[in-house]
Protein backbone atom coordinates (compact mmCIF):
# COMPACT_ATOMS: atom_id res chain seq x y z
CA MET A 1 -8.38 7.62 35.27
CA PRO A 2 -8.11 9.34 31.88
CA ILE A 3 -6.18 7.67 29.09
CA ASP A 4 -2.85 9.26 28.01
CA ASP A 5 -2.34 10.47 24.44
CA THR A 6 -0.21 7.50 23.34
CA GLN A 7 -2.77 5.03 24.67
CA LEU A 8 -5.59 7.00 23.06
CA SER A 9 -3.81 7.00 19.69
CA LYS A 10 -3.37 3.22 19.90
CA PHE A 11 -6.99 2.79 20.94
CA LEU A 12 -8.20 4.94 18.03
CA SER A 13 -6.03 2.91 15.64
CA LEU A 14 -7.58 -0.28 16.98
CA VAL A 15 -11.21 0.79 16.67
CA LEU A 16 -10.91 2.91 13.50
CA ARG A 17 -8.64 0.51 11.55
CA HIS A 18 -9.20 -2.98 12.82
CA LYS A 19 -11.86 -3.73 15.45
CA PRO A 20 -14.65 -1.16 15.79
CA ASP A 21 -16.84 -3.95 17.16
CA VAL A 22 -14.80 -4.15 20.41
CA ILE A 23 -16.82 -1.14 21.58
CA GLY A 24 -19.92 -1.80 19.47
CA LEU A 25 -19.01 0.87 16.92
CA VAL A 26 -20.02 0.57 13.27
CA LEU A 27 -17.97 2.51 10.72
CA ASP A 28 -19.72 3.81 7.63
CA ALA A 29 -18.66 2.57 4.17
CA GLN A 30 -15.84 5.14 4.00
CA GLY A 31 -14.53 4.30 7.48
CA TRP A 32 -16.01 7.34 9.27
CA ALA A 33 -17.32 7.25 12.83
CA GLY A 34 -19.30 9.99 14.52
CA ILE A 35 -17.08 11.55 17.17
CA ASP A 36 -19.87 11.77 19.75
CA GLU A 37 -20.85 8.11 19.19
CA LEU A 38 -17.21 6.97 19.32
CA ILE A 39 -16.62 8.79 22.62
CA ALA A 40 -19.87 7.52 24.15
CA LYS A 41 -19.20 3.89 23.17
CA ALA A 42 -15.55 4.06 24.25
CA ASN A 43 -16.46 5.56 27.61
CA ALA A 44 -19.21 2.96 28.14
CA ALA A 45 -16.63 0.24 27.38
CA GLY A 46 -14.22 1.69 29.96
CA THR A 47 -11.87 3.77 27.80
CA LYS A 48 -12.40 7.29 29.15
CA PHE A 49 -11.67 10.37 27.02
CA GLY A 50 -13.45 13.45 25.74
CA ARG A 51 -13.71 15.42 22.51
CA ASP A 52 -10.78 17.70 23.39
CA ASP A 53 -8.59 14.63 24.03
CA LEU A 54 -9.53 13.11 20.68
CA LEU A 55 -8.97 16.37 18.76
CA ARG A 56 -5.59 16.86 20.46
CA VAL A 57 -4.43 13.34 19.52
CA VAL A 58 -5.63 13.74 15.92
CA ALA A 59 -3.85 17.10 15.58
CA ALA A 60 -0.64 15.96 17.30
CA SER A 61 -0.22 12.65 15.47
CA ASP A 62 3.21 12.81 13.83
CA LYS A 63 2.10 10.23 11.26
CA LYS A 64 -1.27 11.92 10.70
CA ARG A 65 -3.01 8.58 11.25
CA PHE A 66 -6.48 10.12 11.52
CA SER A 67 -8.64 12.47 9.46
CA LEU A 68 -11.47 14.72 10.57
CA SER A 69 -14.49 15.41 8.40
CA PRO A 70 -14.93 19.02 7.21
CA GLY A 71 -17.42 19.72 10.01
CA ALA A 72 -15.17 17.97 12.58
CA ASP A 73 -18.09 15.77 13.61
CA ARG A 74 -16.59 12.54 12.26
CA VAL A 75 -13.18 10.88 12.40
CA ARG A 76 -11.54 8.01 10.51
CA ALA A 77 -8.18 6.35 10.12
CA ALA A 78 -6.35 7.82 7.12
CA GLN A 79 -5.23 4.34 5.95
CA GLY A 80 -4.13 0.98 7.26
CA HIS A 81 -7.53 -0.65 7.62
CA SER A 82 -7.97 -4.37 8.00
CA VAL A 83 -11.76 -3.91 8.07
CA GLN A 84 -13.42 -3.34 4.72
CA VAL A 85 -13.81 0.37 3.95
CA GLU A 86 -13.73 2.40 0.76
CA LEU A 87 -11.77 5.57 1.50
CA GLY A 88 -13.07 7.19 -1.69
CA LEU A 89 -9.60 8.21 -2.82
CA ALA A 90 -9.16 9.07 -6.48
CA ALA A 91 -6.32 7.41 -8.37
CA GLN A 92 -3.35 9.79 -8.67
CA GLU A 93 -0.08 9.90 -10.53
CA PRO A 94 2.62 9.07 -7.98
CA PRO A 95 6.25 10.15 -8.12
CA PRO A 96 8.35 7.96 -10.48
CA LEU A 97 9.74 6.04 -7.50
CA LEU A 98 8.14 5.17 -4.21
CA TYR A 99 9.71 3.23 -1.37
CA HIS A 100 8.77 0.36 0.90
CA GLY A 101 10.54 -0.35 4.16
CA THR A 102 10.47 -3.80 5.67
CA ALA A 103 12.53 -6.00 7.95
CA THR A 104 15.33 -8.07 6.46
CA ARG A 105 13.55 -11.30 7.44
CA PHE A 106 10.82 -10.57 4.86
CA VAL A 107 13.11 -9.78 1.91
CA GLU A 108 13.26 -13.26 0.39
CA ALA A 109 9.47 -13.63 0.32
CA ILE A 110 9.04 -10.13 -1.13
CA LEU A 111 11.59 -10.80 -3.88
CA SER A 112 9.69 -13.93 -4.92
CA GLU A 113 6.08 -12.87 -4.31
CA GLY A 114 6.13 -9.06 -4.39
CA LEU A 115 4.43 -6.79 -1.89
CA LYS A 116 1.00 -7.90 -0.74
CA PRO A 117 -1.36 -6.07 1.60
CA GLN A 118 -1.24 -8.93 4.14
CA ALA A 119 -3.83 -8.12 6.84
CA ARG A 120 -4.51 -4.66 5.42
CA GLN A 121 -6.53 -3.62 2.41
CA GLN A 122 -3.63 -2.18 0.41
CA VAL A 123 0.16 -2.03 0.27
CA HIS A 124 1.61 1.08 1.95
CA LEU A 125 4.40 2.98 0.19
CA SER A 126 6.46 6.00 1.24
CA ALA A 127 7.41 9.03 -0.81
CA ASP A 128 10.96 9.12 0.60
CA VAL A 129 13.67 6.76 1.79
CA ALA A 130 13.81 8.17 5.33
CA THR A 131 10.15 7.41 5.97
CA ALA A 132 10.47 3.92 4.46
CA GLU A 133 13.48 3.28 6.67
CA ARG A 134 11.56 4.32 9.80
CA VAL A 135 8.72 1.98 8.81
CA GLY A 136 11.13 -0.90 8.20
CA GLN A 137 12.85 -0.39 11.53
CA ARG A 138 9.60 -1.07 13.39
CA HIS A 139 10.02 -4.73 12.47
CA GLY A 140 13.79 -5.17 12.89
CA LYS A 141 16.73 -4.12 10.73
CA ALA A 142 15.32 -2.04 7.87
CA TYR A 143 15.54 -3.09 4.25
CA ILE A 144 14.29 -0.68 1.60
CA PHE A 145 12.84 -1.38 -1.83
CA THR A 146 12.21 1.12 -4.59
CA VAL A 147 8.95 0.73 -6.47
CA ASP A 148 8.96 1.63 -10.18
CA THR A 149 5.60 3.37 -10.38
CA VAL A 150 6.09 4.43 -14.01
CA ALA A 151 6.32 0.81 -15.17
CA MET A 152 3.49 -0.23 -12.87
CA ARG A 153 1.19 2.45 -14.26
CA ARG A 154 2.04 1.33 -17.81
CA HIS A 155 0.76 -2.10 -16.75
CA GLY A 156 -2.50 -0.66 -15.40
CA TYR A 157 -1.76 -0.47 -11.69
CA LYS A 158 -3.32 2.43 -9.81
CA PHE A 159 -2.02 4.46 -6.92
CA TYR A 160 -3.88 6.43 -4.27
CA ARG A 161 -2.61 8.99 -1.79
CA ALA A 162 -4.12 8.84 1.70
CA ASP A 163 -4.87 12.01 3.66
CA ASN A 164 -1.63 11.54 5.60
CA GLY A 165 0.58 11.26 2.48
CA VAL A 166 0.99 7.47 2.48
CA TRP A 167 0.76 6.02 -1.03
CA LEU A 168 -1.47 2.99 -1.49
CA THR A 169 -1.77 0.34 -4.19
CA ASP A 170 -3.34 -3.10 -4.30
CA LEU A 171 -0.09 -5.03 -4.76
CA VAL A 172 3.43 -4.67 -6.15
CA PRO A 173 4.67 -7.63 -8.23
CA PRO A 174 8.38 -8.43 -7.76
CA GLU A 175 9.39 -7.23 -11.23
CA PHE A 176 8.62 -3.63 -10.15
CA LEU A 177 10.82 -3.80 -7.03
CA ALA A 178 14.51 -3.05 -6.64
CA PRO A 179 16.43 -3.27 -3.36
CA ILE A 180 18.44 -0.24 -2.25
CA THR A 181 21.02 0.03 0.45
CA THR A 182 20.62 2.42 3.35
CA GLU A 183 23.89 1.53 5.07
CA ARG A 184 25.43 4.57 6.71
CA ALA A 185 29.10 5.28 6.08
């Protein structure tokens, strides 16, 4: 039975971000996998889909989780890796403020320790409050921080923009964070 698009998206996230070895896949240094090899190894491991299915899921992803190579022969996760990859992104000047959404249960630790990548390679930041709020709500009641990128850059921190628009940095010390309220009237 073929996999549905939601299941395929989750499967692609698993093998392209976290565990390519579950199907015997090896990502290259930049996180790319050959589409034909990915499909063959997935099908051999029992996850059945074809090229059209993969291309449809990549194109339809509301969060643009995946990127295709210019020749559309390779695919990779845009960001969010826990496996070591070098996305090859050039440092960019971010907007003066970025945002990070989290659950309220993490606020105390973030205020004392800052934002750390945890199981991922880098901290993920949003360009707008609405996106940060959606991210924070995945883990419970959302709590939003602003990130003072101007001050961080003055202190030598670098920012990178993934193919899907997510901003990345190695860490955000607490002195560059400020809580904001998103309570609706």
